[in-house]
PDB file of N, CA and C in Angstrom:
ATOM      1  N   MET A   1     -33.924  47.319  12.375  1.00  0.00           N
ATOM      2  CA  MET A   1     -34.839  47.682  13.473  1.00  0.00           C
ATOM      3  C   MET A   1     -35.492  49.003  12.815  1.00  0.00           C
ATOM      4  N   SER A   2     -36.565  49.522  13.043  1.00  0.00           N
ATOM      5  CA  SER A   2     -36.873  50.879  12.656  1.00  0.00           C
ATOM      6  C   SER A   2     -37.054  51.811  13.512  1.00  0.00           C
ATOM      7  N   LYS A   3     -37.162  53.104  13.387  1.00  0.00           N
ATOM      8  CA  LYS A   3     -36.189  53.807  14.216  1.00  0.00           C
ATOM      9  C   LYS A   3     -37.719  54.377  14.774  1.00  0.00           C
ATOM     10  N   LEU A   4     -37.972  54.375  16.228  1.00  0.00           N
ATOM     11  CA  LEU A   4     -39.509  55.008  17.083  1.00  0.00           C
ATOM     12  C   LEU A   4     -39.144  56.517  16.581  1.00  0.00           C
ATOM     13  N   VAL A   5     -40.468  56.959  16.477  1.00  0.00           N
ATOM     14  CA  VAL A   5     -40.650  58.341  16.635  1.00  0.00           C
ATOM     15  C   VAL A   5     -41.521  58.524  17.985  1.00  0.00           C
ATOM     16  N   VAL A   6     -41.122  59.353  18.693  1.00  0.00           N
ATOM     17  CA  VAL A   6     -41.975  59.690  19.831  1.00  0.00           C
ATOM     18  C   VAL A   6     -42.139  61.417  19.729  1.00  0.00           C
ATOM     19  N   LYS A   7     -43.348  62.321  19.480  1.00  0.00           N
ATOM     20  CA  LYS A   7     -43.444  63.539  19.454  1.00  0.00           C
ATOM     21  C   LYS A   7     -44.278  63.755  20.675  1.00  0.00           C
ATOM     22  N   LYS A   8     -44.076  64.892  21.226  1.00  0.00           N
ATOM     23  CA  LYS A   8     -44.793  65.459  22.700  1.00  0.00           C
ATOM     24  C   LYS A   8     -45.860  66.286  21.998  1.00  0.00           C
ATOM     25  N   ILE A   9     -47.136  66.159  21.677  1.00  0.00           N
ATOM     26  CA  ILE A   9     -48.543  67.089  21.387  1.00  0.00           C
ATOM     27  C   ILE A   9     -49.252  67.405  22.308  1.00  0.00           C
ATOM     28  N   ASP A  10     -49.416  68.498  22.542  1.00  0.00           N
ATOM     29  CA  ASP A  10     -50.585  68.913  23.581  1.00  0.00           C
ATOM     30  C   ASP A  10     -50.222  68.382  24.783  1.00  0.00           C
ATOM     31  N   GLY A  11     -48.916  68.425  25.045  1.00  0.00           N
ATOM     32  CA  GLY A  11     -48.259  67.855  26.818  1.00  0.00           C
ATOM     33  C   GLY A  11     -48.254  66.523  26.703  1.00  0.00           C
ATOM     34  N   LYS A  12     -48.815  65.975  25.620  1.00  0.00           N
ATOM     35  CA  LYS A  12     -49.082  64.345  25.624  1.00  0.00           C
ATOM     36  C   LYS A  12     -47.866  63.318  24.617  1.00  0.00           C
ATOM     37  N   MET A  13     -47.193  62.698  24.978  1.00  0.00           N
ATOM     38  CA  MET A  13     -46.429  61.649  24.062  1.00  0.00           C
ATOM     39  C   MET A  13     -46.906  60.954  23.315  1.00  0.00           C
ATOM     40  N   LYS A  14     -46.701  60.985  21.863  1.00  0.00           N
ATOM     41  CA  LYS A  14     -46.979  60.293  20.837  1.00  0.00           C
ATOM     42  C   LYS A  14     -46.431  59.365  20.308  1.00  0.00           C
ATOM     43  N   VAL A  15     -46.838  58.155  20.088  1.00  0.00           N
ATOM     44  CA  VAL A  15     -46.078  57.596  19.753  1.00  0.00           C
ATOM     45  C   VAL A  15     -46.080  57.049  18.200  1.00  0.00           C
ATOM     46  N   CYS A  16     -45.064  56.784  17.409  1.00  0.00           N
ATOM     47  CA  CYS A  16     -45.478  56.605  15.869  1.00  0.00           C
ATOM     48  C   CYS A  16     -46.253  55.710  15.282  1.00  0.00           C
ATOM     49  N   ASN A  17     -47.215  55.745  14.247  1.00  0.00           N
ATOM     50  CA  ASN A  17     -47.980  55.142  13.720  1.00  0.00           C
ATOM     51  C   ASN A  17     -47.732  53.785  13.519  1.00  0.00           C
ATOM     52  N   LYS A  18     -46.230  53.380  13.225  1.00  0.00           N
ATOM     53  CA  LYS A  18     -46.067  52.101  13.184  1.00  0.00           C
ATOM     54  C   LYS A  18     -46.450  51.283  14.076  1.00  0.00           C
ATOM     55  N   GLN A  19     -45.823  51.730  15.092  1.00  0.00           N
ATOM     56  CA  GLN A  19     -45.998  50.573  16.475  1.00  0.00           C
ATOM     57  C   GLN A  19     -47.683  50.667  16.894  1.00  0.00           C
ATOM     58  N   VAL A  20     -48.246  51.680  16.882  1.00  0.00           N
ATOM     59  CA  VAL A  20     -49.383  51.437  16.994  1.00  0.00           C
ATOM     60  C   VAL A  20     -50.312  50.523  15.903  1.00  0.00           C
ATOM     61  N   LYS A  21     -50.466  50.543  14.784  1.00  0.00           N
ATOM     62  CA  LYS A  21     -50.480  49.654  13.376  1.00  0.00           C
ATOM     63  C   LYS A  21     -49.938  47.803  13.696  1.00  0.00           C
ATOM     64  N   MET A  22     -49.196  48.099  14.370  1.00  0.00           N
ATOM     65  CA  MET A  22     -48.274  46.635  14.741  1.00  0.00           C
ATOM     66  C   MET A  22     -48.946  45.925  15.918  1.00  0.00           C
ATOM     67  N   GLY A  23     -49.298  46.927  16.606  1.00  0.00           N
ATOM     68  CA  GLY A  23     -50.373  46.539  18.190  1.00  0.00           C
ATOM     69  C   GLY A  23     -51.579  46.091  17.708  1.00  0.00           C
ATOM     70  N   MET A  24     -52.219  46.686  17.144  1.00  0.00           N
ATOM     71  CA  MET A  24     -53.738  46.563  16.634  1.00  0.00           C
ATOM     72  C   MET A  24     -53.922  45.298  15.760  1.00  0.00           C
ATOM     73  N   GLU A  25     -52.682  45.360  15.363  1.00  0.00           N
ATOM     74  CA  GLU A  25     -52.675  43.504  14.551  1.00  0.00           C
ATOM     75  C   GLU A  25     -52.362  42.795  15.359  1.00  0.00           C
ATOM     76  N   LYS A  26     -51.341  42.463  16.118  1.00  0.00           N
ATOM     77  CA  LYS A  26     -51.522  41.810  17.504  1.00  0.00           C
ATOM     78  C   LYS A  26     -52.065  41.342  17.783  1.00  0.00           C
ATOM     79  N   GLU A  27     -52.825  42.482  18.665  1.00  0.00           N
ATOM     80  CA  GLU A  27     -53.468  42.545  20.145  1.00  0.00           C
ATOM     81  C   GLU A  27     -55.205  41.939  19.305  1.00  0.00           C
ATOM     82  N   LYS A  28     -55.552  41.387  18.147  1.00  0.00           N
ATOM     83  CA  LYS A  28     -56.595  40.958  17.328  1.00  0.00           C
ATOM     84  C   LYS A  28     -56.765  39.705  18.072  1.00  0.00           C
ATOM     85  N   GLU A  29     -55.851  39.035  19.071  1.00  0.00           N
ATOM     86  CA  GLU A  29     -56.052  37.589  19.493  1.00  0.00           C
ATOM     87  C   GLU A  29     -56.282  37.760  20.581  1.00  0.00           C
ATOM     88  N   HIS A  30     -56.804  38.937  21.021  1.00  0.00           N
ATOM     89  CA  HIS A  30     -57.426  38.756  22.551  1.00  0.00           C
ATOM     90  C   HIS A  30     -59.054  39.127  22.362  1.00  0.00           C
ATOM     91  N   ASP A  31     -59.241  38.403  21.160  1.00  0.00           N
ATOM     92  CA  ASP A  31     -60.723  38.591  20.534  1.00  0.00           C
ATOM     93  C   ASP A  31     -61.500  38.371  21.740  1.00  0.00           C
ATOM     94  N   ASP A  32     -61.480  37.340  22.299  1.00  0.00           N
ATOM     95  CA  ASP A  32     -62.125  36.645  23.752  1.00  0.00           C
ATOM     96  C   ASP A  32     -62.497  37.795  24.846  1.00  0.00           C
ATOM     97  N   LEU A  33     -60.907  39.256  24.781  1.00  0.00           N
ATOM     98  CA  LEU A  33     -61.655  39.900  25.628  1.00  0.00           C
ATOM     99  C   LEU A  33     -61.795  41.297  25.390  1.00  0.00           C
ATOM    100  N   THR A  34     -62.184  41.272  23.629  1.00  0.00           N
ATOM    101  CA  THR A  34     -62.403  43.115  22.776  1.00  0.00           C
ATOM    102  C   THR A  34     -63.535  42.593  22.285  1.00  0.00           C
ATOM    103  N   LYS A  35     -63.718  41.330  21.910  1.00  0.00           N
ATOM    104  CA  LYS A  35     -65.119  41.270  20.767  1.00  0.00           C
ATOM    105  C   LYS A  35     -65.023  41.883  19.594  1.00  0.00           C
ATOM    106  N   GLY A  36     -63.463  42.211  19.161  1.00  0.00           N
ATOM    107  CA  GLY A  36     -63.074  42.506  18.182  1.00  0.00           C
ATOM    108  C   GLY A  36     -63.261  44.482  18.187  1.00  0.00           C
ATOM    109  N   ASP A  37     -63.822  44.841  19.273  1.00  0.00           N
ATOM    110  CA  ASP A  37     -63.781  46.371  19.835  1.00  0.00           C
ATOM    111  C   ASP A  37     -62.632  47.164  19.056  1.00  0.00           C
ATOM    112  N   PRO A  38     -62.457  47.694  17.980  1.00  0.00           N
ATOM    113  CA  PRO A  38     -61.425  48.441  17.853  1.00  0.00           C
ATOM    114  C   PRO A  38     -61.179  49.337  19.298  1.00  0.00           C
ATOM    115  N   LYS A  39     -61.809  49.824  20.279  1.00  0.00           N
ATOM    116  CA  LYS A  39     -61.496  50.956  21.087  1.00  0.00           C
ATOM    117  C   LYS A  39     -60.673  50.017  22.293  1.00  0.00           C
ATOM    118  N   LYS A  40     -61.362  48.387  22.453  1.00  0.00           N
ATOM    119  CA  LYS A  40     -60.740  48.228  23.352  1.00  0.00           C
ATOM    120  C   LYS A  40     -59.260  47.259  22.980  1.00  0.00           C
ATOM    121  N   ILE A  41     -59.062  47.293  21.862  1.00  0.00           N
ATOM    122  CA  ILE A  41     -57.705  46.394  21.312  1.00  0.00           C
ATOM    123  C   ILE A  41     -56.921  48.491  21.395  1.00  0.00           C
ATOM    124  N   LYS A  42     -57.909  48.978  21.315  1.00  0.00           N
ATOM    125  CA  LYS A  42     -56.375  50.015  21.083  1.00  0.00           C
ATOM    126  C   LYS A  42     -56.139  50.672  22.815  1.00  0.00           C
ATOM    127  N   MET A  43     -56.960  50.027  23.570  1.00  0.00           N
ATOM    128  CA  MET A  43     -56.893  50.283  25.026  1.00  0.00           C
ATOM    129  C   MET A  43     -55.084  49.406  25.702  1.00  0.00           C
ATOM    130  N   ILE A  44     -55.114  48.200  24.618  1.00  0.00           N
ATOM    131  CA  ILE A  44     -54.580  47.112  25.004  1.00  0.00           C
ATOM    132  C   ILE A  44     -52.964  47.935  24.559  1.00  0.00           C
ATOM    133  N   VAL A  45     -53.173  48.239  23.097  1.00  0.00           N
ATOM    134  CA  VAL A  45     -52.172  48.866  22.644  1.00  0.00           C
ATOM    135  C   VAL A  45     -51.488  49.946  22.928  1.00  0.00           C
ATOM    136  N   ASP A  46     -52.427  50.731  23.799  1.00  0.00           N
ATOM    137  CA  ASP A  46     -51.934  51.962  24.436  1.00  0.00           C
ATOM    138  C   ASP A  46     -51.041  51.437  25.752  1.00  0.00           C
ATOM    139  N   ALA A  47     -51.678  50.306  26.729  1.00  0.00           N
ATOM    140  CA  ALA A  47     -51.218  50.037  27.837  1.00  0.00           C
ATOM    141  C   ALA A  47     -49.981  49.333  27.506  1.00  0.00           C
ATOM    142  N   HIS A  48     -49.806  48.688  26.475  1.00  0.00           N
ATOM    143  CA  HIS A  48     -48.016  48.565  25.898  1.00  0.00           C
ATOM    144  C   HIS A  48     -47.046  49.630  25.758  1.00  0.00           C
ATOM    145  N   LEU A  49     -47.529  50.076  25.182  1.00  0.00           N
ATOM    146  CA  LEU A  49     -46.758  51.445  24.705  1.00  0.00           C
ATOM    147  C   LEU A  49     -46.190  52.501  25.720  1.00  0.00           C
ATOM    148  N   LYS A  50     -47.325  51.938  26.378  1.00  0.00           N
ATOM    149  CA  LYS A  50     -47.202  53.156  27.730  1.00  0.00           C
ATOM    150  C   LYS A  50     -45.888  52.703  28.477  1.00  0.00           C
ATOM    151  N   GLU A  51     -45.973  51.177  28.314  1.00  0.00           N
ATOM    152  CA  GLU A  51     -44.797  50.432  29.414  1.00  0.00           C
ATOM    153  C   GLU A  51     -43.547  50.819  28.542  1.00  0.00           C
ATOM    154  N   ASP A  52     -43.461  50.347  27.275  1.00  0.00           N
ATOM    155  CA  ASP A  52     -42.164  50.393  26.431  1.00  0.00           C
ATOM    156  C   ASP A  52     -43.099  51.336  25.289  1.00  0.00           C
ATOM    157  N   PRO A  53     -42.180  52.437  24.491  1.00  0.00           N
ATOM    158  CA  PRO A  53     -42.576  52.809  23.370  1.00  0.00           C
ATOM    159  C   PRO A  53     -42.122  51.751  22.194  1.00  0.00           C
ATOM    160  N   GLU A  54     -41.514  50.752  21.942  1.00  0.00           N
ATOM    161  CA  GLU A  54     -40.918  50.029  21.024  1.00  0.00           C
ATOM    162  C   GLU A  54     -41.699  48.419  21.273  1.00  0.00           C
ATOM    163  N   TYR A  55     -42.506  48.073  21.957  1.00  0.00           N
ATOM    164  CA  TYR A  55     -42.887  47.138  22.789  1.00  0.00           C
ATOM    165  C   TYR A  55     -42.780  46.132  21.586  1.00  0.00           C
ATOM    166  N   TYR A  56     -43.645  46.932  20.316  1.00  0.00           N
ATOM    167  CA  TYR A  56     -43.972  45.640  19.324  1.00  0.00           C
ATOM    168  C   TYR A  56     -42.942  45.193  18.476  1.00  0.00           C
ATOM    169  N   THR A  57     -42.366  45.871  18.538  1.00  0.00           N
ATOM    170  CA  THR A  57     -40.899  45.809  17.620  1.00  0.00           C
ATOM    171  C   THR A  57     -40.067  44.789  18.372  1.00  0.00           C
ATOM    172  N   LYS A  58     -39.948  45.226  19.400  1.00  0.00           N
ATOM    173  CA  LYS A  58     -39.405  44.037  20.396  1.00  0.00           C
ATOM    174  C   LYS A  58     -40.076  42.516  20.297  1.00  0.00           C
ATOM    175  N   LEU A  59     -41.307  42.845  20.468  1.00  0.00           N
ATOM    176  CA  LEU A  59     -42.395  41.719  20.547  1.00  0.00           C
ATOM    177  C   LEU A  59     -42.008  40.544  19.562  1.00  0.00           C
ATOM    178  N   GLU A  60     -42.189  41.628  18.290  1.00  0.00           N
ATOM    179  CA  GLU A  60     -41.680  40.650  16.607  1.00  0.00           C
ATOM    180  C   GLU A  60     -40.492  40.298  16.759  1.00  0.00           C
ATOM    181  N   LYS A  61     -39.491  40.859  17.134  1.00  0.00           N
ATOM    182  CA  LYS A  61     -38.128  40.306  17.070  1.00  0.00           C
ATOM    183  C   LYS A  61     -38.032  39.216  18.294  1.00  0.00           C
ATOM    184  N   MET A  62     -38.675  38.949  19.528  1.00  0.00           N
ATOM    185  CA  MET A  62     -38.430  37.809  20.554  1.00  0.00           C
ATOM    186  C   MET A  62     -39.329  36.815  19.485  1.00  0.00           C
ATOM    187  N   GLU A  63     -40.285  37.089  18.969  1.00  0.00           N
ATOM    188  CA  GLU A  63     -41.266  35.639  18.596  1.00  0.00           C
ATOM    189  C   GLU A  63     -40.927  35.516  17.106  1.00  0.00           C
ATOM    190  N   SER A  64     -39.871  36.133  16.529  1.00  0.00           N
ATOM    191  CA  SER A  64     -39.101  35.507  15.312  1.00  0.00           C
ATOM    192  C   SER A  64     -37.735  34.609  16.023  1.00  0.00           C
ATOM    193  N   VAL A  65     -37.420  34.668  16.883  1.00  0.00           N
ATOM    194  CA  VAL A  65     -36.203  33.624  17.330  1.00  0.00           C
ATOM    195  C   VAL A  65     -36.718  32.131  17.586  1.00  0.00           C
TER     196      VAL A  65
END
């Protein structure tokens, strides 16, 4: 499992790009809601990563079982 990198920049927590990239790819499945709009997809990703900064790593592991 890759190590999560979270940094505080300008008073905000920033999640590693790997999690964001994984999320952007995974959340394309919600095309019915997002119509492929990257901003809308990113909103879904951000919501999941706010809930758990390792959300997509854990999801990938769970789905591979």
